Amino acid sequence: MNKKFGKRRKFIAGACIVALMLMLVVGIGGCSGQSAAPGGDAKAQEKGKPIELTFNHFFPETSWVNDVVMEWKEMVEEKSDNRLKVTVYSSCSLSQSGEMYDAIKTGTIDLCLDAGPYYSGRFPLSTATQLPFLGARSSQAFTHAWMDLYEEFPEFSAEYSDVHLLWLFSQGPAQLLSKTPIETIEDIKGLIVRAPGDWAPHIKALNASAVDLPASESYLALNKGTVNATIFTCESISTWKLYEVCPHATVGNFFGQWFFVAMNQDKYDSLPEDLQKVIDECSGTAGAELIAKAWDEADRAGLELAADKGVKIATLKDKEKWEEKLAPVTDSWIEEMEAKGYPAEQFVARAKELIAEYDQEIGSWQDEFDF
């Protein structure tokens, strides 16, 4: 993690060091698959062997996200002069989505990338990414804002206090892909829309029906006509070949979805200071920008493919009506969070402010299109 996140203090008492030395002498090692103890890492370094780190995520090996993770791995290994070796496990090979955070806490894996919405109720303030119309037109604007919010709100950073958080990021803004044109609030009325679980109430507020289907089942459902539309980021157009079953796309920048990249705290603490610095330099803003830029490029390529395939791309003609209709969703979320003691109103206001600033500073790939 970079200096922006800072380093957590290390609590290694002399008695623990003695205990670890005794364990090594009698041959009592750490459990298989768990993070190596500090003594083990030091011993590996003494023998000239690299310190090995496991990195688990849920995307398939063929995905562009895996490519980004591999780029990060190579950056860490190169900056460490190959004293760190990162082995990447895709497709939840070591731990399932929704379970990775606990696997990081206990040290059964060293590093992970997982989607926050899989942890229902666990990261209250983090769910604000899924509120409607926060204003982000890119993954980068969303991601930079979330990184700043992590620093500004201790209630937010506390949600990840039992791991060594490397960075947070958001997907690009979600859009509507549909069988029929959706340009006004009347166009969505009565439709059956495939929507992620937390967005089901939003769809219902628009007088449409929501169906919570896995992304992998979207193509078949749209092809059969059991759903009329789906909420997705533009990168999914190419990933799931949705241009074949959705002749229309509506760019509304409806909401985001957050992800976290985390490391086991003990594993981080066990590293020599110069290798901690390597992790820091490759994480924080550097890691966030790496994946946010890649997501924006994937979104741009997805919408470009849709246009090439004849998909008709539109924007909302009456966005103010959509915003008005969905405003109670945000109000309800703020009320619920405030009742639990969170500064939710301030958090949402600041999120919108930061997103607007970064959107103006960075711009968006959407500017390349003439909707």
Protein backbone atom coordinates (compact mmCIF):
# COMPACT_ATOMS: atom_id res chain seq x y z
CA MET A 1 0.00 0.00 0.00
CA ASN A 2 1.31 3.48 -0.79
CA LYS A 3 2.03 6.20 1.76
CA LYS A 4 -1.52 7.46 1.40
CA PHE A 5 -2.81 4.45 3.24
CA GLY A 6 0.12 4.42 5.71
CA LYS A 7 1.57 1.47 7.55
CA ARG A 8 -0.04 -0.27 10.42
CA ARG A 9 2.05 -0.64 13.55
CA LYS A 10 3.71 -3.96 14.19
CA PHE A 11 3.27 -5.75 17.47
CA ILE A 12 5.93 -8.47 17.62
CA ALA A 13 6.83 -9.14 21.21
CA GLY A 14 10.08 -10.75 22.20
CA ALA A 15 8.25 -13.70 23.67
CA CYS A 16 6.58 -14.37 20.29
CA ILE A 17 9.95 -14.34 18.55
CA VAL A 18 11.31 -16.86 21.04
CA ALA A 19 8.24 -19.02 20.53
CA LEU A 20 8.61 -18.92 16.77
CA MET A 21 12.28 -19.88 17.02
CA LEU A 22 11.38 -22.83 19.23
CA MET A 23 8.73 -23.90 16.74
CA LEU A 24 11.24 -23.88 13.94
CA VAL A 25 13.73 -25.88 16.02
CA VAL A 26 11.25 -28.62 16.82
CA GLY A 27 9.89 -28.59 13.28
CA ILE A 28 6.41 -27.28 13.99
CA GLY A 29 5.62 -25.33 10.81
CA GLY A 30 2.57 -23.35 9.79
CA CYS A 31 -0.46 -25.16 8.44
CA SER A 32 -0.46 -26.00 4.77
CA GLY A 33 -1.87 -23.18 2.63
CA GLN A 34 -1.63 -20.58 5.37
CA SER A 35 0.53 -17.49 5.38
CA ALA A 36 4.11 -18.19 6.36
CA ALA A 37 5.27 -16.93 9.75
CA PRO A 38 7.82 -14.11 9.87
CA GLY A 39 10.59 -16.57 10.74
CA GLY A 40 9.75 -18.66 7.68
CA ASP A 41 10.00 -15.66 5.37
CA ALA A 42 13.32 -14.66 6.90
CA LYS A 43 14.63 -18.20 6.52
CA ALA A 44 13.59 -18.25 2.87
CA GLN A 45 15.44 -14.98 2.32
CA GLU A 46 18.56 -16.33 4.03
CA LYS A 47 18.57 -19.26 1.62
CA GLY A 48 18.09 -16.95 -1.35
CA LYS A 49 14.60 -18.28 -2.01
CA PRO A 50 11.76 -15.87 -2.88
CA ILE A 51 8.94 -15.29 -0.45
CA GLU A 52 5.84 -16.84 -2.00
CA LEU A 53 2.44 -15.13 -1.97
CA THR A 54 -0.88 -16.57 -3.12
CA PHE A 55 -3.35 -14.28 -4.90
CA ASN A 56 -6.92 -15.52 -5.36
CA HIS A 57 -9.70 -13.88 -7.41
CA PHE A 58 -12.99 -14.94 -8.95
CA PHE A 59 -12.58 -13.91 -12.60
CA PRO A 60 -11.75 -16.58 -15.18
CA GLU A 61 -8.18 -16.99 -16.36
CA THR A 62 -9.20 -15.80 -19.83
CA SER A 63 -10.60 -12.49 -18.54
CA TRP A 64 -8.98 -9.10 -18.95
CA VAL A 65 -9.15 -8.71 -15.15
CA ASN A 66 -6.85 -11.71 -14.78
CA ASP A 67 -4.50 -10.02 -17.24
CA VAL A 68 -4.40 -6.95 -14.97
CA VAL A 69 -3.73 -9.09 -11.90
CA MET A 70 -0.89 -10.77 -13.78
CA GLU A 71 0.49 -7.34 -14.68
CA TRP A 72 0.43 -6.38 -11.00
CA LYS A 73 2.14 -9.65 -10.07
CA GLU A 74 4.91 -9.02 -12.59
CA MET A 75 5.36 -5.46 -11.33
CA VAL A 76 5.73 -6.70 -7.73
CA GLU A 77 8.19 -9.41 -8.70
CA GLU A 78 10.29 -7.07 -10.84
CA LYS A 79 10.44 -4.30 -8.22
CA SER A 80 11.42 -6.85 -5.57
CA ASP A 81 14.21 -8.26 -7.78
CA ASN A 82 12.26 -11.52 -7.69
CA ARG A 83 12.52 -11.77 -3.91
CA LEU A 84 8.70 -11.91 -3.95
CA LYS A 85 6.91 -14.55 -5.99
CA VAL A 86 3.15 -14.14 -6.51
CA THR A 87 1.15 -17.14 -7.68
CA VAL A 88 -2.24 -16.13 -9.10
CA TYR A 89 -5.27 -18.39 -8.71
CA SER A 90 -8.27 -17.46 -10.88
CA SER A 91 -11.90 -18.66 -10.80
CA CYS A 92 -12.03 -18.90 -6.98
CA SER A 93 -9.50 -21.74 -7.02
CA LEU A 94 -8.49 -21.24 -3.38
CA SER A 95 -11.56 -19.55 -1.91
CA GLN A 96 -15.05 -18.67 -3.09
CA SER A 97 -16.40 -15.15 -3.57
CA GLY A 98 -18.01 -14.02 -0.35
CA GLU A 99 -15.49 -16.10 1.61
CA MET A 100 -12.19 -14.60 0.48
CA TYR A 101 -12.18 -11.81 3.05
CA ASP A 102 -12.25 -14.32 5.90
CA ALA A 103 -9.63 -16.42 4.13
CA ILE A 104 -7.41 -13.33 4.07
CA LYS A 105 -8.09 -12.65 7.76
CA THR A 106 -7.12 -16.17 8.79
CA GLY A 107 -4.19 -16.37 6.40
CA THR A 108 -5.33 -19.35 4.33
CA ILE A 109 -4.58 -17.10 1.34
CA ASP A 110 -2.25 -14.11 1.23
CA LEU A 111 -3.93 -11.79 -1.28
CA CYS A 112 -7.33 -11.57 -2.90
CA LEU A 113 -9.55 -9.55 -5.19
CA ASP A 114 -13.25 -9.93 -4.54
CA ALA A 115 -16.54 -8.13 -5.15
CA GLY A 116 -17.94 -6.39 -2.08
CA PRO A 117 -21.64 -7.04 -2.79
CA TYR A 118 -21.08 -10.74 -2.10
CA TYR A 119 -20.73 -9.78 1.59
CA SER A 120 -24.26 -8.73 2.44
CA GLY A 121 -24.38 -6.39 5.42
CA ARG A 122 -20.65 -6.57 6.11
CA PHE A 123 -19.45 -3.31 4.56
CA PRO A 124 -22.29 -0.84 5.16
CA LEU A 125 -20.79 2.40 3.82
CA SER A 126 -19.18 0.60 0.89
CA THR A 127 -22.61 -0.23 -0.50
CA ALA A 128 -23.05 3.44 -1.39
CA THR A 129 -21.40 2.67 -4.76
CA GLN A 130 -24.65 1.00 -5.75
CA LEU A 131 -26.80 4.04 -5.10
CA PRO A 132 -28.36 5.45 -8.28
CA PHE A 133 -26.91 8.34 -10.26
CA LEU A 134 -23.86 9.29 -8.22
CA GLY A 135 -22.50 10.86 -11.39
CA ALA A 136 -19.60 8.62 -12.40
CA ARG A 137 -19.02 8.18 -16.12
CA SER A 138 -15.97 5.97 -15.70
CA SER A 139 -14.37 3.43 -13.43
CA GLN A 140 -11.54 5.88 -12.82
CA ALA A 141 -13.79 8.64 -11.43
CA PHE A 142 -15.57 6.15 -9.19
CA THR A 143 -12.35 4.50 -8.05
CA HIS A 144 -10.43 7.68 -7.23
CA ALA A 145 -13.41 8.96 -5.26
CA TRP A 146 -13.62 5.75 -3.25
CA MET A 147 -9.91 5.89 -2.47
CA ASP A 148 -10.30 9.43 -1.16
CA LEU A 149 -13.37 8.52 0.87
CA TYR A 150 -11.39 5.70 2.46
CA GLU A 151 -8.91 8.27 3.72
CA GLU A 152 -11.44 10.90 4.76
CA PHE A 153 -13.97 8.77 6.67
CA PRO A 154 -12.62 6.63 9.52
CA GLU A 155 -15.98 4.82 9.63
CA PHE A 156 -15.29 3.71 6.06
CA SER A 157 -11.70 2.57 6.55
CA ALA A 158 -12.76 0.74 9.73
CA GLU A 159 -14.77 -1.66 7.57
CA TYR A 160 -11.46 -3.19 6.43
CA SER A 161 -9.48 -2.86 9.66
CA ASP A 162 -8.84 -6.57 10.13
CA VAL A 163 -6.91 -6.96 6.86
CA HIS A 164 -4.18 -5.00 5.10
CA LEU A 165 -6.23 -3.24 2.43
CA LEU A 166 -4.24 -2.66 -0.74
CA TRP A 167 -6.88 -0.70 -2.63
CA LEU A 168 -10.56 -0.28 -3.47
CA PHE A 169 -12.02 0.17 -6.92
CA SER A 170 -15.34 0.27 -8.72
CA GLN A 171 -16.52 -1.19 -11.96
CA GLY A 172 -17.49 1.22 -14.70
CA PRO A 173 -21.02 2.60 -14.47
CA ALA A 174 -23.81 0.15 -15.24
CA GLN A 175 -26.01 0.61 -18.31
CA LEU A 176 -29.20 -0.94 -19.68
CA LEU A 177 -29.03 -3.49 -22.51
CA SER A 178 -32.41 -4.40 -23.90
CA LYS A 179 -34.56 -6.08 -26.53
CA THR A 180 -36.56 -2.89 -27.11
CA PRO A 181 -35.54 0.80 -26.96
CA ILE A 182 -35.37 2.34 -23.47
CA GLU A 183 -35.02 6.11 -23.65
CA THR A 184 -37.76 7.35 -21.32
CA ILE A 185 -39.06 6.24 -17.96
CA GLU A 186 -42.21 4.98 -19.68
CA ASP A 187 -40.14 2.64 -21.86
CA ILE A 188 -39.00 0.53 -18.92
CA LYS A 189 -42.44 0.26 -17.35
CA GLY A 190 -43.65 -3.35 -17.25
CA LEU A 191 -40.40 -4.87 -18.50
CA ILE A 192 -38.67 -7.82 -16.85
CA VAL A 193 -35.11 -6.75 -16.09
CA ARG A 194 -32.20 -8.91 -15.00
CA ALA A 195 -30.66 -6.91 -12.13
CA PRO A 196 -28.15 -7.58 -9.35
CA GLY A 197 -29.79 -8.25 -5.99
CA ASP A 198 -29.16 -4.83 -4.45
CA TRP A 199 -30.59 -3.13 -7.51
CA ALA A 200 -33.85 -5.08 -7.55
CA PRO A 201 -35.66 -2.41 -5.46
CA HIS A 202 -34.44 0.26 -7.88
CA ILE A 203 -35.95 -1.57 -10.84
CA LYS A 204 -39.21 -2.09 -8.97
CA ALA A 205 -39.31 1.63 -8.18
CA LEU A 206 -39.29 2.19 -11.94
CA ASN A 207 -42.46 0.05 -12.26
CA ALA A 208 -40.57 -2.85 -13.83
CA SER A 209 -39.98 -6.40 -12.58
CA ALA A 210 -36.52 -7.48 -11.39
CA VAL A 211 -35.00 -10.93 -11.81
CA ASP A 212 -31.73 -11.80 -10.05
CA LEU A 213 -29.84 -14.02 -12.48
CA PRO A 214 -26.11 -14.82 -12.61
CA ALA A 215 -24.27 -12.99 -15.35
CA SER A 216 -23.59 -16.29 -17.09
CA GLU A 217 -27.35 -16.93 -17.52
CA SER A 218 -28.15 -13.52 -19.01
CA TYR A 219 -27.61 -14.46 -22.66
CA LEU A 220 -29.95 -17.46 -22.54
CA ALA A 221 -32.64 -15.55 -20.62
CA LEU A 222 -32.54 -12.68 -23.12
CA ASN A 223 -32.47 -15.06 -26.07
CA LYS A 224 -35.52 -16.94 -24.78
CA GLY A 225 -37.31 -13.74 -23.90
CA THR A 226 -37.75 -14.61 -20.23
CA VAL A 227 -36.20 -11.20 -19.51
CA ASN A 228 -36.47 -8.08 -21.65
CA ALA A 229 -33.40 -6.23 -20.47
CA THR A 230 -30.36 -6.45 -18.23
CA ILE A 231 -28.25 -4.10 -16.14
CA PHE A 232 -24.58 -4.49 -17.04
CA THR A 233 -21.36 -2.61 -17.62
CA CYS A 234 -20.41 -2.13 -21.25
CA GLU A 235 -17.47 -4.53 -21.03
CA SER A 236 -20.00 -7.34 -20.60
CA ILE A 237 -21.25 -6.75 -24.14
CA SER A 238 -18.19 -8.50 -25.51
CA THR A 239 -17.64 -10.81 -22.54
CA TRP A 240 -21.10 -12.39 -22.83
CA LYS A 241 -21.77 -11.59 -26.51
CA LEU A 242 -24.86 -9.62 -25.54
CA TYR A 243 -24.85 -7.73 -28.83
CA GLU A 244 -26.40 -10.89 -30.27
CA VAL A 245 -29.49 -10.72 -28.04
CA CYS A 246 -29.73 -7.01 -27.14
CA PRO A 247 -30.24 -4.76 -30.18
CA HIS A 248 -30.47 -1.70 -27.90
CA ALA A 249 -28.18 -0.12 -25.30
CA THR A 250 -29.04 2.80 -23.03
CA VAL A 251 -26.17 4.73 -21.49
CA GLY A 252 -27.58 6.06 -18.22
CA ASN A 253 -24.63 5.58 -15.84
CA PHE A 254 -27.01 4.12 -13.32
CA PHE A 255 -24.74 2.83 -10.53
CA GLY A 256 -21.41 1.20 -9.69
CA GLN A 257 -20.16 -1.80 -7.76
CA TRP A 258 -17.15 -1.91 -5.50
CA PHE A 259 -14.31 -4.40 -5.22
CA PHE A 260 -11.45 -4.72 -2.77
CA VAL A 261 -7.90 -6.01 -3.02
CA ALA A 262 -6.58 -7.11 0.36
CA MET A 263 -3.62 -8.84 1.99
CA ASN A 264 -3.28 -10.80 5.19
CA GLN A 265 -1.97 -8.37 7.82
CA ASP A 266 0.43 -10.83 9.45
CA LYS A 267 1.87 -11.75 6.09
CA TYR A 268 2.48 -8.11 5.26
CA ASP A 269 4.03 -7.50 8.69
CA SER A 270 6.32 -10.50 8.22
CA LEU A 271 7.97 -9.01 5.13
CA PRO A 272 11.27 -7.13 5.37
CA GLU A 273 10.69 -3.38 5.26
CA ASP A 274 12.05 -3.02 1.72
CA LEU A 275 9.59 -5.64 0.46
CA GLN A 276 6.74 -3.97 2.32
CA LYS A 277 7.72 -0.86 0.42
CA VAL A 278 7.44 -2.79 -2.86
CA ILE A 279 3.90 -3.86 -1.99
CA ASP A 280 3.09 -0.27 -1.00
CA GLU A 281 4.46 1.21 -4.22
CA CYS A 282 2.50 -1.23 -6.38
CA SER A 283 -0.74 -0.80 -4.45
CA GLY A 284 -2.83 2.15 -3.29
CA THR A 285 -3.35 4.62 -6.11
CA ALA A 286 -0.99 2.72 -8.44
CA GLY A 287 -2.99 -0.51 -8.17
CA ALA A 288 -6.32 1.29 -8.34
CA GLU A 289 -5.38 3.21 -11.46
CA LEU A 290 -4.06 0.06 -13.12
CA ILE A 291 -7.38 -1.76 -12.95
CA ALA A 292 -9.65 1.29 -13.31
CA LYS A 293 -7.98 2.32 -16.57
CA ALA A 294 -8.25 -1.25 -17.83
CA TRP A 295 -11.95 -1.37 -16.92
CA ASP A 296 -12.60 1.87 -18.78
CA GLU A 297 -10.81 0.51 -21.83
CA ALA A 298 -12.85 -2.70 -21.64
CA ASP A 299 -16.07 -0.66 -21.37
CA ARG A 300 -15.07 1.49 -24.34
CA ALA A 301 -14.23 -1.58 -26.41
CA GLY A 302 -17.52 -3.22 -25.43
CA LEU A 303 -19.65 -0.29 -26.55
CA GLU A 304 -17.58 0.10 -29.70
CA LEU A 305 -18.21 -3.56 -30.51
CA ALA A 306 -21.91 -3.05 -29.90
CA ALA A 307 -21.95 -0.14 -32.35
CA ASP A 308 -20.04 -2.19 -34.93
CA LYS A 309 -22.59 -5.00 -34.55
CA GLY A 310 -25.49 -2.64 -35.20
CA VAL A 311 -26.69 -2.15 -31.64
CA LYS A 312 -28.58 1.14 -31.37
CA ILE A 313 -27.07 3.24 -28.59
CA ALA A 314 -29.11 5.92 -26.83
CA THR A 315 -29.15 8.03 -23.68
CA LEU A 316 -32.03 8.89 -21.37
CA LYS A 317 -34.23 11.65 -22.76
CA ASP A 318 -35.82 12.36 -19.39
CA LYS A 319 -33.05 11.57 -16.91
CA GLU A 320 -34.46 14.01 -14.37
CA LYS A 321 -37.58 11.81 -14.11
CA TRP A 322 -35.42 8.73 -13.44
CA GLU A 323 -33.48 10.63 -10.79
CA GLU A 324 -36.68 11.84 -9.17
CA LYS A 325 -38.17 8.36 -9.19
CA LEU A 326 -35.07 6.80 -7.63
CA ALA A 327 -34.27 9.57 -5.13
CA PRO A 328 -36.25 7.80 -2.36
CA VAL A 329 -33.88 4.83 -2.72
CA THR A 330 -30.93 7.02 -1.75
CA ASP A 331 -32.95 8.77 0.97
CA SER A 332 -33.91 5.42 2.46
CA TRP A 333 -30.30 4.22 2.43
CA ILE A 334 -29.12 7.39 4.15
CA GLU A 335 -31.84 7.15 6.78
CA GLU A 336 -31.00 3.52 7.51
CA MET A 337 -27.25 4.16 7.76
CA GLU A 338 -27.69 7.28 9.89
CA ALA A 339 -29.84 5.27 12.30
CA LYS A 340 -26.89 2.90 12.69
CA GLY A 341 -24.57 5.76 13.52
CA TYR A 342 -22.88 6.29 10.15
CA PRO A 343 -22.38 9.77 8.64
CA ALA A 344 -24.26 8.62 5.55
CA GLU A 345 -25.61 11.95 4.35
CA GLN A 346 -22.18 13.53 4.50
CA PHE A 347 -20.64 10.46 2.88
CA VAL A 348 -22.99 10.50 -0.12
CA ALA A 349 -22.62 14.25 -0.58
CA ARG A 350 -18.84 13.97 -0.52
CA ALA A 351 -18.91 10.99 -2.90
CA LYS A 352 -20.88 13.01 -5.46
CA GLU A 353 -18.53 15.95 -5.03
CA LEU A 354 -15.39 13.85 -5.52
CA ILE A 355 -16.85 11.96 -8.48
CA ALA A 356 -17.72 15.25 -10.20
CA GLU A 357 -14.19 16.56 -9.61
CA TYR A 358 -12.53 13.44 -10.99
CA ASP A 359 -14.95 13.23 -13.90
CA GLN A 360 -13.97 16.76 -14.90
CA GLU A 361 -10.27 16.09 -14.36
CA ILE A 362 -10.05 12.68 -16.05
CA GLY A 363 -12.89 12.80 -18.54
CA SER A 364 -14.60 9.67 -19.81
CA TRP A 365 -14.31 7.24 -22.67
CA GLN A 366 -17.97 8.02 -23.31
CA ASP A 367 -16.91 11.35 -24.79
CA GLU A 368 -15.65 9.42 -27.83
CA PHE A 369 -19.19 8.42 -28.78
CA ASP A 370 -21.90 10.51 -30.37
CA PHE A 371 -24.98 9.10 -28.67
